[in-house]
PDB file of N, CA and C in Angstrom:
ATOM      1  N   MET A   1      69.586 105.074  56.766  1.00  0.00           N
ATOM      2  CA  MET A   1      70.612 104.596  55.860  1.00  0.00           C
ATOM      3  C   MET A   1      70.346 103.149  55.505  1.00  0.00           C
ATOM      4  N   ASN A   2      70.413 102.826  54.240  1.00  0.00           N
ATOM      5  CA  ASN A   2      70.188 101.463  53.779  1.00  0.00           C
ATOM      6  C   ASN A   2      71.489 100.699  53.814  1.00  0.00           C
ATOM      7  N   HIS A   3      71.572  99.661  54.642  1.00  0.00           N
ATOM      8  CA  HIS A   3      72.803  98.893  54.799  1.00  0.00           C
ATOM      9  C   HIS A   3      73.179  98.141  53.539  1.00  0.00           C
ATOM     10  N   ASN A   4      72.233  97.886  52.654  1.00  0.00           N
ATOM     11  CA  ASN A   4      72.550  97.203  51.407  1.00  0.00           C
ATOM     12  C   ASN A   4      73.389  98.075  50.497  1.00  0.00           C
ATOM     13  N   GLU A   5      73.321  99.386  50.661  1.00  0.00           N
ATOM     14  CA  GLU A   5      74.041 100.295  49.789  1.00  0.00           C
ATOM     15  C   GLU A   5      75.374 100.729  50.379  1.00  0.00           C
ATOM     16  N   ASP A   6      75.687 100.334  51.602  1.00  0.00           N
ATOM     17  CA  ASP A   6      76.916 100.754  52.263  1.00  0.00           C
ATOM     18  C   ASP A   6      78.164 100.407  51.477  1.00  0.00           C
ATOM     19  N   ALA A   7      78.256  99.207  50.950  1.00  0.00           N
ATOM     20  CA  ALA A   7      79.481  98.728  50.329  1.00  0.00           C
ATOM     21  C   ALA A   7      79.475  98.915  48.818  1.00  0.00           C
ATOM     22  N   GLN A   8      78.644  99.787  48.296  1.00  0.00           N
ATOM     23  CA  GLN A   8      78.554  99.929  46.861  1.00  0.00           C
ATOM     24  C   GLN A   8      79.353 101.114  46.351  1.00  0.00           C
ATOM     25  N   ASP A   9      80.494 101.395  46.972  1.00  0.00           N
ATOM     26  CA  ASP A   9      81.332 102.493  46.519  1.00  0.00           C
ATOM     27  C   ASP A   9      82.291 102.046  45.423  1.00  0.00           C
ATOM     28  N   GLY A  10      82.236 100.759  45.028  1.00  0.00           N
ATOM     29  CA  GLY A  10      83.080 100.257  43.973  1.00  0.00           C
ATOM     30  C   GLY A  10      84.410  99.735  44.440  1.00  0.00           C
ATOM     31  N   ALA A  11      84.766  99.976  45.683  1.00  0.00           N
ATOM     32  CA  ALA A  11      86.046  99.504  46.203  1.00  0.00           C
ATOM     33  C   ALA A  11      85.959  98.026  46.540  1.00  0.00           C
ATOM     34  N   PRO A  12      86.948  97.227  46.095  1.00  0.00           N
ATOM     35  CA  PRO A  12      86.925  95.800  46.441  1.00  0.00           C
ATOM     36  C   PRO A  12      87.183  95.617  47.925  1.00  0.00           C
ATOM     37  N   SER A  13      86.603  94.590  48.472  1.00  0.00           N
ATOM     38  CA  SER A  13      86.759  94.310  49.891  1.00  0.00           C
ATOM     39  C   SER A  13      86.941  92.824  50.100  1.00  0.00           C
ATOM     40  N   ALA A  14      87.771  92.469  51.069  1.00  0.00           N
ATOM     41  CA  ALA A  14      87.958  91.062  51.410  1.00  0.00           C
ATOM     42  C   ALA A  14      86.709  90.500  52.054  1.00  0.00           C
ATOM     43  N   LEU A  15      85.796  91.368  52.443  1.00  0.00           N
ATOM     44  CA  LEU A  15      84.589  90.927  53.123  1.00  0.00           C
ATOM     45  C   LEU A  15      83.362  91.026  52.225  1.00  0.00           C
ATOM     46  N   GLU A  16      83.550  91.098  50.902  1.00  0.00           N
ATOM     47  CA  GLU A  16      82.414  91.240  49.996  1.00  0.00           C
ATOM     48  C   GLU A  16      81.429  90.099  50.124  1.00  0.00           C
ATOM     49  N   ASP A  17      81.910  88.895  50.475  1.00  0.00           N
ATOM     50  CA  ASP A  17      81.015  87.763  50.569  1.00  0.00           C
ATOM     51  C   ASP A  17      80.294  87.682  51.904  1.00  0.00           C
ATOM     52  N   VAL A  18      80.604  88.595  52.826  1.00  0.00           N
ATOM     53  CA  VAL A  18      79.916  88.628  54.112  1.00  0.00           C
ATOM     54  C   VAL A  18      78.587  89.340  53.893  1.00  0.00           C
ATOM     55  N   PRO A  19      77.481  88.714  54.234  1.00  0.00           N
ATOM     56  CA  PRO A  19      76.173  89.296  53.954  1.00  0.00           C
ATOM     57  C   PRO A  19      75.909  90.571  54.738  1.00  0.00           C
ATOM     58  N   SER A  20      74.992  91.379  54.223  1.00  0.00           N
ATOM     59  CA  SER A  20      74.626  92.617  54.907  1.00  0.00           C
ATOM     60  C   SER A  20      73.354  92.405  55.716  1.00  0.00           C
ATOM     61  N   ARG A  21      73.139  93.271  56.701  1.00  0.00           N
ATOM     62  CA  ARG A  21      71.965  93.161  57.558  1.00  0.00           C
ATOM     63  C   ARG A  21      70.767  93.825  56.902  1.00  0.00           C
ATOM     64  N   VAL A  22      69.623  93.166  56.999  1.00  0.00           N
ATOM     65  CA  VAL A  22      68.366  93.711  56.514  1.00  0.00           C
ATOM     66  C   VAL A  22      67.320  93.428  57.574  1.00  0.00           C
ATOM     67  N   ASN A  23      66.784  94.477  58.178  1.00  0.00           N
ATOM     68  CA  ASN A  23      65.744  94.330  59.194  1.00  0.00           C
ATOM     69  C   ASN A  23      66.121  93.332  60.286  1.00  0.00           C
ATOM     70  N   GLY A  24      67.360  93.393  60.760  1.00  0.00           N
ATOM     71  CA  GLY A  24      67.782  92.522  61.848  1.00  0.00           C
ATOM     72  C   GLY A  24      68.121  91.112  61.426  1.00  0.00           C
ATOM     73  N   GLN A  25      68.102  90.828  60.128  1.00  0.00           N
ATOM     74  CA  GLN A  25      68.424  89.497  59.628  1.00  0.00           C
ATOM     75  C   GLN A  25      69.509  89.617  58.577  1.00  0.00           C
ATOM     76  N   GLU A  26      70.163  88.508  58.262  1.00  0.00           N
ATOM     77  CA  GLU A  26      71.195  88.504  57.240  1.00  0.00           C
ATOM     78  C   GLU A  26      70.577  88.249  55.880  1.00  0.00           C
ATOM     79  N   ARG A  27      71.138  88.864  54.866  1.00  0.00           N
ATOM     80  CA  ARG A  27      70.616  88.695  53.513  1.00  0.00           C
ATOM     81  C   ARG A  27      71.779  88.354  52.585  1.00  0.00           C
ATOM     82  N   THR A  28      71.663  87.247  51.868  1.00  0.00           N
ATOM     83  CA  THR A  28      72.651  86.871  50.863  1.00  0.00           C
ATOM     84  C   THR A  28      71.918  86.432  49.614  1.00  0.00           C
ATOM     85  N   ASP A  29      72.284  86.997  48.481  1.00  0.00           N
ATOM     86  CA  ASP A  29      71.701  86.620  47.197  1.00  0.00           C
ATOM     87  C   ASP A  29      70.175  86.562  47.232  1.00  0.00           C
ATOM     88  N   GLY A  30      69.549  87.529  47.870  1.00  0.00           N
ATOM     89  CA  GLY A  30      68.102  87.606  47.901  1.00  0.00           C
ATOM     90  C   GLY A  30      67.431  86.752  48.950  1.00  0.00           C
ATOM     91  N   ALA A  31      68.181  85.913  49.646  1.00  0.00           N
ATOM     92  CA  ALA A  31      67.590  85.047  50.672  1.00  0.00           C
ATOM     93  C   ALA A  31      67.835  85.659  52.049  1.00  0.00           C
ATOM     94  N   VAL A  32      66.798  85.743  52.830  1.00  0.00           N
ATOM     95  CA  VAL A  32      66.928  86.293  54.180  1.00  0.00           C
ATOM     96  C   VAL A  32      67.065  85.142  55.155  1.00  0.00           C
ATOM     97  N   ARG A  33      68.043  85.239  56.046  1.00  0.00           N
ATOM     98  CA  ARG A  33      68.219  84.220  57.082  1.00  0.00           C
ATOM     99  C   ARG A  33      68.305  84.889  58.447  1.00  0.00           C
ATOM    100  N   SER A  34      67.900  84.143  59.447  1.00  0.00           N
ATOM    101  CA  SER A  34      67.958  84.665  60.805  1.00  0.00           C
ATOM    102  C   SER A  34      69.112  84.051  61.582  1.00  0.00           C
ATOM    103  N   SER A  35      69.944  83.242  60.918  1.00  0.00           N
ATOM    104  CA  SER A  35      71.050  82.566  61.585  1.00  0.00           C
ATOM    105  C   SER A  35      72.289  83.453  61.578  1.00  0.00           C
ATOM    106  N   THR A  36      72.386  84.290  62.582  1.00  0.00           N
ATOM    107  CA  THR A  36      73.529  85.196  62.673  1.00  0.00           C
ATOM    108  C   THR A  36      74.170  85.119  64.045  1.00  0.00           C
ATOM    109  N   VAL A  37      75.395  85.587  64.101  1.00  0.00           N
ATOM    110  CA  VAL A  37      76.131  85.680  65.349  1.00  0.00           C
ATOM    111  C   VAL A  37      76.521  87.141  65.531  1.00  0.00           C
ATOM    112  N   GLU A  38      76.191  87.710  66.664  1.00  0.00           N
ATOM    113  CA  GLU A  38      76.598  89.071  66.982  1.00  0.00           C
ATOM    114  C   GLU A  38      78.017  88.989  67.536  1.00  0.00           C
ATOM    115  N   VAL A  39      78.979  89.525  66.786  1.00  0.00           N
ATOM    116  CA  VAL A  39      80.380  89.455  67.178  1.00  0.00           C
ATOM    117  C   VAL A  39      80.775  90.747  67.874  1.00  0.00           C
ATOM    118  N   HIS A  40      81.362  90.604  69.038  1.00  0.00           N
ATOM    119  CA  HIS A  40      81.906  91.717  69.809  1.00  0.00           C
ATOM    120  C   HIS A  40      83.413  91.482  69.861  1.00  0.00           C
ATOM    121  N   CYS A  41      84.177  92.457  69.446  1.00  0.00           N
ATOM    122  CA  CYS A  41      85.628  92.278  69.424  1.00  0.00           C
ATOM    123  C   CYS A  41      86.306  93.461  70.097  1.00  0.00           C
ATOM    124  N   ASP A  42      87.314  93.174  70.883  1.00  0.00           N
ATOM    125  CA  ASP A  42      88.064  94.206  71.588  1.00  0.00           C
ATOM    126  C   ASP A  42      89.530  94.125  71.186  1.00  0.00           C
ATOM    127  N   TYR A  43      90.263  95.189  71.470  1.00  0.00           N
ATOM    128  CA  TYR A  43      91.679  95.300  71.130  1.00  0.00           C
ATOM    129  C   TYR A  43      92.328  96.149  72.216  1.00  0.00           C
ATOM    130  N   ILE A  44      93.539  95.849  72.563  1.00  0.00           N
ATOM    131  CA  ILE A  44      94.190  96.460  73.718  1.00  0.00           C
ATOM    132  C   ILE A  44      94.171  97.990  73.707  1.00  0.00           C
ATOM    133  N   SER A  45      94.403  98.604  72.558  1.00  0.00           N
ATOM    134  CA  SER A  45      94.485 100.064  72.528  1.00  0.00           C
ATOM    135  C   SER A  45      93.206 100.731  72.035  1.00  0.00           C
ATOM    136  N   ALA A  46      92.134  99.955  71.892  1.00  0.00           N
ATOM    137  CA  ALA A  46      90.873 100.517  71.395  1.00  0.00           C
ATOM    138  C   ALA A  46      90.139 101.268  72.496  1.00  0.00           C
ATOM    139  N   ASP A  47      89.457 102.322  72.103  1.00  0.00           N
ATOM    140  CA  ASP A  47      88.633 103.074  73.045  1.00  0.00           C
ATOM    141  C   ASP A  47      87.427 102.262  73.484  1.00  0.00           C
ATOM    142  N   GLU A  48      86.880 101.488  72.565  1.00  0.00           N
ATOM    143  CA  GLU A  48      85.720 100.652  72.878  1.00  0.00           C
ATOM    144  C   GLU A  48      85.665  99.477  71.910  1.00  0.00           C
ATOM    145  N   PRO A  49      84.979  98.400  72.287  1.00  0.00           N
ATOM    146  CA  PRO A  49      84.852  97.241  71.390  1.00  0.00           C
ATOM    147  C   PRO A  49      84.043  97.591  70.144  1.00  0.00           C
ATOM    148  N   ILE A  50      84.191  96.772  69.119  1.00  0.00           N
ATOM    149  CA  ILE A  50      83.397  96.928  67.909  1.00  0.00           C
ATOM    150  C   ILE A  50      82.405  95.776  67.831  1.00  0.00           C
ATOM    151  N   HIS A  51      81.313  95.970  67.100  1.00  0.00           N
ATOM    152  CA  HIS A  51      80.235  94.987  67.020  1.00  0.00           C
ATOM    153  C   HIS A  51      79.775  94.872  65.572  1.00  0.00           C
ATOM    154  N   ARG A  52      79.435  93.646  65.199  1.00  0.00           N
ATOM    155  CA  ARG A  52      78.867  93.419  63.862  1.00  0.00           C
ATOM    156  C   ARG A  52      78.234  92.037  63.836  1.00  0.00           C
ATOM    157  N   ALA A  53      77.131  91.902  63.110  1.00  0.00           N
ATOM    158  CA  ALA A  53      76.488  90.599  62.940  1.00  0.00           C
ATOM    159  C   ALA A  53      77.085  89.910  61.726  1.00  0.00           C
ATOM    160  N   PHE A  54      77.380  88.627  61.875  1.00  0.00           N
ATOM    161  CA  PHE A  54      77.910  87.810  60.788  1.00  0.00           C
ATOM    162  C   PHE A  54      77.019  86.580  60.631  1.00  0.00           C
ATOM    163  N   ALA A  55      76.931  86.078  59.420  1.00  0.00           N
ATOM    164  CA  ALA A  55      76.206  84.829  59.170  1.00  0.00           C
ATOM    165  C   ALA A  55      76.956  83.690  59.837  1.00  0.00           C
ATOM    166  N   ASN A  56      76.226  82.672  60.246  1.00  0.00           N
ATOM    167  CA  ASN A  56      76.845  81.491  60.866  1.00  0.00           C
ATOM    168  C   ASN A  56      77.924  80.882  59.985  1.00  0.00           C
ATOM    169  N   GLU A  57      77.781  81.020  58.671  1.00  0.00           N
ATOM    170  CA  GLU A  57      78.697  80.406  57.719  1.00  0.00           C
ATOM    171  C   GLU A  57      79.978  81.212  57.508  1.00  0.00           C
ATOM    172  N   THR A  58      80.113  82.344  58.170  1.00  0.00           N
ATOM    173  CA  THR A  58      81.297  83.185  58.013  1.00  0.00           C
ATOM    174  C   THR A  58      82.507  82.501  58.639  1.00  0.00           C
ATOM    175  N   LEU A  59      83.616  82.498  57.910  1.00  0.00           N
ATOM    176  CA  LEU A  59      84.864  81.938  58.440  1.00  0.00           C
ATOM    177  C   LEU A  59      85.414  82.842  59.529  1.00  0.00           C
ATOM    178  N   LEU A  60      85.997  82.222  60.546  1.00  0.00           N
ATOM    179  CA  LEU A  60      86.615  83.001  61.614  1.00  0.00           C
ATOM    180  C   LEU A  60      87.711  83.902  61.049  1.00  0.00           C
ATOM    181  N   GLY A  61      88.406  83.447  60.007  1.00  0.00           N
ATOM    182  CA  GLY A  61      89.442  84.262  59.372  1.00  0.00           C
ATOM    183  C   GLY A  61      88.895  85.574  58.823  1.00  0.00           C
ATOM    184  N   ALA A  62      87.667  85.553  58.293  1.00  0.00           N
ATOM    185  CA  ALA A  62      87.037  86.777  57.791  1.00  0.00           C
ATOM    186  C   ALA A  62      86.698  87.714  58.940  1.00  0.00           C
ATOM    187  N   VAL A  63      86.292  87.161  60.071  1.00  0.00           N
ATOM    188  CA  VAL A  63      86.016  87.975  61.259  1.00  0.00           C
ATOM    189  C   VAL A  63      87.307  88.623  61.741  1.00  0.00           C
ATOM    190  N   LYS A  64      88.394  87.850  61.761  1.00  0.00           N
ATOM    191  CA  LYS A  64      89.698  88.379  62.178  1.00  0.00           C
ATOM    192  C   LYS A  64      90.140  89.511  61.243  1.00  0.00           C
ATOM    193  N   LEU A  65      89.964  89.319  59.941  1.00  0.00           N
ATOM    194  CA  LEU A  65      90.335  90.350  58.966  1.00  0.00           C
ATOM    195  C   LEU A  65      89.525  91.618  59.198  1.00  0.00           C
ATOM    196  N   TRP A  66      88.221  91.470  59.420  1.00  0.00           N
ATOM    197  CA  TRP A  66      87.360  92.626  59.716  1.00  0.00           C
ATOM    198  C   TRP A  66      87.862  93.374  60.943  1.00  0.00           C
ATOM    199  N   ALA A  67      88.149  92.644  62.020  1.00  0.00           N
ATOM    200  CA  ALA A  67      88.598  93.283  63.263  1.00  0.00           C
ATOM    201  C   ALA A  67      89.941  93.986  63.055  1.00  0.00           C
ATOM    202  N   ARG A  68      90.869  93.320  62.360  1.00  0.00           N
ATOM    203  CA  ARG A  68      92.180  93.927  62.138  1.00  0.00           C
ATOM    204  C   ARG A  68      92.048  95.189  61.296  1.00  0.00           C
ATOM    205  N   GLN A  69      91.195  95.165  60.266  1.00  0.00           N
ATOM    206  CA  GLN A  69      91.010  96.352  59.430  1.00  0.00           C
ATOM    207  C   GLN A  69      90.366  97.499  60.203  1.00  0.00           C
ATOM    208  N   GLU A  70      89.470  97.173  61.127  1.00  0.00           N
ATOM    209  CA  GLU A  70      88.819  98.210  61.932  1.00  0.00           C
ATOM    210  C   GLU A  70      89.777  98.814  62.962  1.00  0.00           C
ATOM    211  N   PHE A  71      90.522  97.961  63.636  1.00  0.00           N
ATOM    212  CA  PHE A  71      91.396  98.430  64.704  1.00  0.00           C
ATOM    213  C   PHE A  71      92.757  98.918  64.212  1.00  0.00           C
ATOM    214  N   VAL A  72      93.315  98.258  63.205  1.00  0.00           N
ATOM    215  CA  VAL A  72      94.674  98.566  62.744  1.00  0.00           C
ATOM    216  C   VAL A  72      94.662  98.635  61.215  1.00  0.00           C
ATOM    217  N   PRO A  73      94.117  99.718  60.651  1.00  0.00           N
ATOM    218  CA  PRO A  73      93.998  99.787  59.198  1.00  0.00           C
ATOM    219  C   PRO A  73      95.352  99.778  58.472  1.00  0.00           C
ATOM    220  N   ASN A  74      96.384 100.286  59.108  1.00  0.00           N
ATOM    221  CA  ASN A  74      97.731 100.302  58.525  1.00  0.00           C
ATOM    222  C   ASN A  74      98.699  99.640  59.496  1.00  0.00           C
ATOM    223  N   PRO A  75      98.674  98.310  59.558  1.00  0.00           N
ATOM    224  CA  PRO A  75      99.483  97.619  60.567  1.00  0.00           C
ATOM    225  C   PRO A  75     100.981  97.711  60.276  1.00  0.00           C
ATOM    226  N   PRO A  76     101.789  97.769  61.321  1.00  0.00           N
ATOM    227  CA  PRO A  76     103.240  97.720  61.114  1.00  0.00           C
ATOM    228  C   PRO A  76     103.625  96.345  60.574  1.00  0.00           C
ATOM    229  N   SER A  77     104.660  96.299  59.754  1.00  0.00           N
ATOM    230  CA  SER A  77     105.039  95.047  59.111  1.00  0.00           C
ATOM    231  C   SER A  77     105.633  94.032  60.085  1.00  0.00           C
ATOM    232  N   ASP A  78     106.020  94.477  61.269  1.00  0.00           N
ATOM    233  CA  ASP A  78     106.622  93.546  62.227  1.00  0.00           C
ATOM    234  C   ASP A  78     105.598  92.948  63.186  1.00  0.00           C
ATOM    235  N   LYS A  79     104.315  93.123  62.896  1.00  0.00           N
ATOM    236  CA  LYS A  79     103.268  92.603  63.781  1.00  0.00           C
ATOM    237  C   LYS A  79     102.436  91.538  63.075  1.00  0.00           C
ATOM    238  N   ALA A  80     102.111  90.495  63.794  1.00  0.00           N
ATOM    239  CA  ALA A  80     101.164  89.476  63.349  1.00  0.00           C
ATOM    240  C   ALA A  80      99.978  89.551  64.303  1.00  0.00           C
ATOM    241  N   TYR A  81      98.797  89.202  63.820  1.00  0.00           N
ATOM    242  CA  TYR A  81      97.584  89.326  64.626  1.00  0.00           C
ATOM    243  C   TYR A  81      96.893  87.977  64.772  1.00  0.00           C
ATOM    244  N   TYR A  82      96.277  87.770  65.913  1.00  0.00           N
ATOM    245  CA  TYR A  82      95.504  86.557  66.145  1.00  0.00           C
ATOM    246  C   TYR A  82      94.296  86.908  66.998  1.00  0.00           C
ATOM    247  N   LEU A  83      93.306  86.032  66.953  1.00  0.00           N
ATOM    248  CA  LEU A  83      92.095  86.192  67.758  1.00  0.00           C
ATOM    249  C   LEU A  83      92.094  85.176  68.879  1.00  0.00           C
ATOM    250  N   ASN A  84      91.510  85.557  69.997  1.00  0.00           N
ATOM    251  CA  ASN A  84      91.209  84.568  71.023  1.00  0.00           C
ATOM    252  C   ASN A  84      89.798  84.827  71.540  1.00  0.00           C
ATOM    253  N   ASP A  85      89.205  83.779  72.113  1.00  0.00           N
ATOM    254  CA  ASP A  85      87.896  83.905  72.734  1.00  0.00           C
ATOM    255  C   ASP A  85      88.108  84.692  74.012  1.00  0.00           C
ATOM    256  N   ASP A  86      87.444  85.816  74.143  1.00  0.00           N
ATOM    257  CA  ASP A  86      87.687  86.705  75.273  1.00  0.00           C
ATOM    258  C   ASP A  86      87.237  86.109  76.603  1.00  0.00           C
ATOM    259  N   LYS A  87      86.290  85.173  76.564  1.00  0.00           N
ATOM    260  CA  LYS A  87      85.809  84.566  77.814  1.00  0.00           C
ATOM    261  C   LYS A  87      86.677  83.390  78.251  1.00  0.00           C
ATOM    262  N   THR A  88      87.009  82.506  77.311  1.00  0.00           N
ATOM    263  CA  THR A  88      87.778  81.305  77.669  1.00  0.00           C
ATOM    264  C   THR A  88      89.280  81.502  77.522  1.00  0.00           C
ATOM    265  N   ARG A  89      89.679  82.574  76.835  1.00  0.00           N
ATOM    266  CA  ARG A  89      91.097  82.872  76.548  1.00  0.00           C
ATOM    267  C   ARG A  89      91.715  81.894  75.558  1.00  0.00           C
ATOM    268  N   HIS A  90      90.876  81.082  74.881  1.00  0.00           N
ATOM    269  CA  HIS A  90      91.386  80.145  73.881  1.00  0.00           C
ATOM    270  C   HIS A  90      91.916  80.921  72.676  1.00  0.00           C
ATOM    271  N   ARG A  91      93.168  80.658  72.314  1.00  0.00           N
ATOM    272  CA  ARG A  91      93.777  81.295  71.141  1.00  0.00           C
ATOM    273  C   ARG A  91      93.493  80.432  69.913  1.00  0.00           C
ATOM    274  N   PHE A  92      92.855  81.036  68.913  1.00  0.00           N
ATOM    275  CA  PHE A  92      92.484  80.303  67.719  1.00  0.00           C
ATOM    276  C   PHE A  92      93.699  80.050  66.839  1.00  0.00           C
ATOM    277  N   THR A  93      93.780  78.844  66.324  1.00  0.00           N
ATOM    278  CA  THR A  93      94.866  78.440  65.441  1.00  0.00           C
ATOM    279  C   THR A  93      94.520  78.814  64.002  1.00  0.00           C
ATOM    280  N   ALA A  94      95.510  78.719  63.112  1.00  0.00           N
ATOM    281  CA  ALA A  94      95.269  78.979  61.687  1.00  0.00           C
ATOM    282  C   ALA A  94      94.235  77.995  61.140  1.00  0.00           C
ATOM    283  N   GLU A  95      94.271  76.764  61.615  1.00  0.00           N
ATOM    284  CA  GLU A  95      93.288  75.764  61.186  1.00  0.00           C
ATOM    285  C   GLU A  95      91.883  76.168  61.633  1.00  0.00           C
ATOM    286  N   GLU A  96      91.746  76.635  62.852  1.00  0.00           N
ATOM    287  CA  GLU A  96      90.425  77.059  63.356  1.00  0.00           C
ATOM    288  C   GLU A  96      89.911  78.280  62.596  1.00  0.00           C
ATOM    289  N   GLU A  97      90.803  79.135  62.119  1.00  0.00           N
ATOM    290  CA  GLU A  97      90.387  80.312  61.356  1.00  0.00           C
ATOM    291  C   GLU A  97      89.753  79.930  60.024  1.00  0.00           C
ATOM    292  N   GLN A  98      89.953  78.705  59.562  1.00  0.00           N
ATOM    293  CA  GLN A  98      89.351  78.227  58.316  1.00  0.00           C
ATOM    294  C   GLN A  98      87.986  77.591  58.552  1.00  0.00           C
ATOM    295  N   ARG A  99      87.530  77.571  59.795  1.00  0.00           N
ATOM    296  CA  ARG A  99      86.205  77.042  60.138  1.00  0.00           C
ATOM    297  C   ARG A  99      85.214  78.184  60.262  1.00  0.00           C
ATOM    298  N   THR A 100      83.933  77.836  60.128  1.00  0.00           N
ATOM    299  CA  THR A 100      82.887  78.850  60.260  1.00  0.00           C
ATOM    300  C   THR A 100      82.580  79.096  61.737  1.00  0.00           C
ATOM    301  N   LEU A 101      81.872  80.189  61.982  1.00  0.00           N
ATOM    302  CA  LEU A 101      81.449  80.490  63.354  1.00  0.00           C
ATOM    303  C   LEU A 101      80.593  79.351  63.905  1.00  0.00           C
ATOM    304  N   ALA A 102      79.718  78.790  63.069  1.00  0.00           N
ATOM    305  CA  ALA A 102      78.865  77.687  63.520  1.00  0.00           C
ATOM    306  C   ALA A 102      79.704  76.460  63.854  1.00  0.00           C
ATOM    307  N   GLN A 103      80.690  76.133  63.024  1.00  0.00           N
ATOM    308  CA  GLN A 103      81.542  74.970  63.279  1.00  0.00           C
ATOM    309  C   GLN A 103      82.322  75.120  64.584  1.00  0.00           C
ATOM    310  N   LEU A 104      82.598  76.352  64.964  1.00  0.00           N
ATOM    311  CA  LEU A 104      83.332  76.607  66.203  1.00  0.00           C
ATOM    312  C   LEU A 104      82.406  76.730  67.412  1.00  0.00           C
ATOM    313  N   GLY A 105      81.104  76.574  67.192  1.00  0.00           N
ATOM    314  CA  GLY A 105      80.151  76.601  68.295  1.00  0.00           C
ATOM    315  C   GLY A 105      79.556  77.955  68.604  1.00  0.00           C
ATOM    316  N   TYR A 106      79.725  78.924  67.713  1.00  0.00           N
ATOM    317  CA  TYR A 106      79.194  80.273  67.930  1.00  0.00           C
ATOM    318  C   TYR A 106      77.944  80.521  67.101  1.00  0.00           C
ATOM    319  N   GLU A 107      77.074  79.518  66.957  1.00  0.00           N
ATOM    320  CA  GLU A 107      75.918  79.689  66.081  1.00  0.00           C
ATOM    321  C   GLU A 107      74.729  80.365  66.747  1.00  0.00           C
ATOM    322  N   HIS A 108      74.753  80.553  68.039  1.00  0.00           N
ATOM    323  CA  HIS A 108      73.632  81.191  68.728  1.00  0.00           C
ATOM    324  C   HIS A 108      74.161  82.328  69.606  1.00  0.00           C
ATOM    325  N   GLY A 109      73.482  83.458  69.548  1.00  0.00           N
ATOM    326  CA  GLY A 109      73.822  84.554  70.443  1.00  0.00           C
ATOM    327  C   GLY A 109      75.027  85.358  70.003  1.00  0.00           C
ATOM    328  N   ALA A 110      75.849  85.722  70.988  1.00  0.00           N
ATOM    329  CA  ALA A 110      76.983  86.606  70.730  1.00  0.00           C
ATOM    330  C   ALA A 110      78.300  85.879  70.948  1.00  0.00           C
ATOM    331  N   ALA A 111      79.303  86.309  70.207  1.00  0.00           N
ATOM    332  CA  ALA A 111      80.668  85.804  70.363  1.00  0.00           C
ATOM    333  C   ALA A 111      81.529  86.971  70.819  1.00  0.00           C
ATOM    334  N   HIS A 112      82.361  86.750  71.807  1.00  0.00           N
ATOM    335  CA  HIS A 112      83.238  87.788  72.340  1.00  0.00           C
ATOM    336  C   HIS A 112      84.683  87.406  72.054  1.00  0.00           C
ATOM    337  N   PHE A 113      85.318  88.187  71.177  1.00  0.00           N
ATOM    338  CA  PHE A 113      86.692  87.920  70.781  1.00  0.00           C
ATOM    339  C   PHE A 113      87.588  89.075  71.166  1.00  0.00           C
ATOM    340  N   ARG A 114      88.888  88.804  71.166  1.00  0.00           N
ATOM    341  CA  ARG A 114      89.893  89.836  71.389  1.00  0.00           C
ATOM    342  C   ARG A 114      90.946  89.684  70.305  1.00  0.00           C
ATOM    343  N   LEU A 115      91.290  90.809  69.664  1.00  0.00           N
ATOM    344  CA  LEU A 115      92.363  90.830  68.694  1.00  0.00           C
ATOM    345  C   LEU A 115      93.657  91.121  69.436  1.00  0.00           C
ATOM    346  N   ASN A 116      94.678  90.319  69.173  1.00  0.00           N
ATOM    347  CA  ASN A 116      95.964  90.482  69.833  1.00  0.00           C
ATOM    348  C   ASN A 116      97.048  90.612  68.771  1.00  0.00           C
ATOM    349  N   GLU A 117      98.185  91.128  69.185  1.00  0.00           N
ATOM    350  CA  GLU A 117      99.303  91.266  68.251  1.00  0.00           C
ATOM    351  C   GLU A 117     100.563  90.684  68.864  1.00  0.00           C
ATOM    352  N   GLU A 118     101.466  90.288  67.987  1.00  0.00           N
ATOM    353  CA  GLU A 118     102.759  89.781  68.427  1.00  0.00           C
ATOM    354  C   GLU A 118     103.772  90.090  67.346  1.00  0.00           C
ATOM    355  N   GLN A 119     105.041  89.953  67.661  1.00  0.00           N
ATOM    356  CA  GLN A 119     106.082  90.175  66.672  1.00  0.00           C
ATOM    357  C   GLN A 119     105.964  89.117  65.589  1.00  0.00           C
ATOM    358  N   ALA A 120     106.024  89.521  64.336  1.00  0.00           N
ATOM    359  CA  ALA A 120     105.907  88.583  63.223  1.00  0.00           C
ATOM    360  C   ALA A 120     107.173  87.773  63.049  1.00  0.00           C
ATOM    361  N   SER A 121     108.320  88.316  63.412  1.00  0.00           N
ATOM    362  CA  SER A 121     109.570  87.576  63.253  1.00  0.00           C
ATOM    363  C   SER A 121     109.574  86.359  64.171  1.00  0.00           C
ATOM    364  N   GLY A 122     109.901  85.229  63.601  1.00  0.00           N
ATOM    365  CA  GLY A 122     109.914  84.000  64.383  1.00  0.00           C
ATOM    366  C   GLY A 122     108.564  83.316  64.449  1.00  0.00           C
ATOM    367  N   ALA A 123     107.528  83.939  63.896  1.00  0.00           N
ATOM    368  CA  ALA A 123     106.193  83.331  63.933  1.00  0.00           C
ATOM    369  C   ALA A 123     105.982  82.432  62.752  1.00  0.00           C
TER     370      ALA A 123
END
């Protein structure tokens, strides 16, 4: 299966600007880069974690959106979601979600995150 053709079903996606994998490297606009982060994300009710490579320049918010769409495609309206670093337990703020993986120090190797939920009321 060619990963470049995966997202060509015509459906718009919030992750359209996230590059696709080509031969173990990231590809954007014809340029191949090897600067990727392997993201592993878990969720309390998931059977198993999910994995995907992202470019270093990917915003943490885009990673959070990807994880939420994978784990909770139809979220209840009374839930808000946040990410934390699964190893350090650091809960990422809205400001940190606007930074790239590289800016947050995840430019080499793998990042281990956990998607969490809380009541949206009062948040």
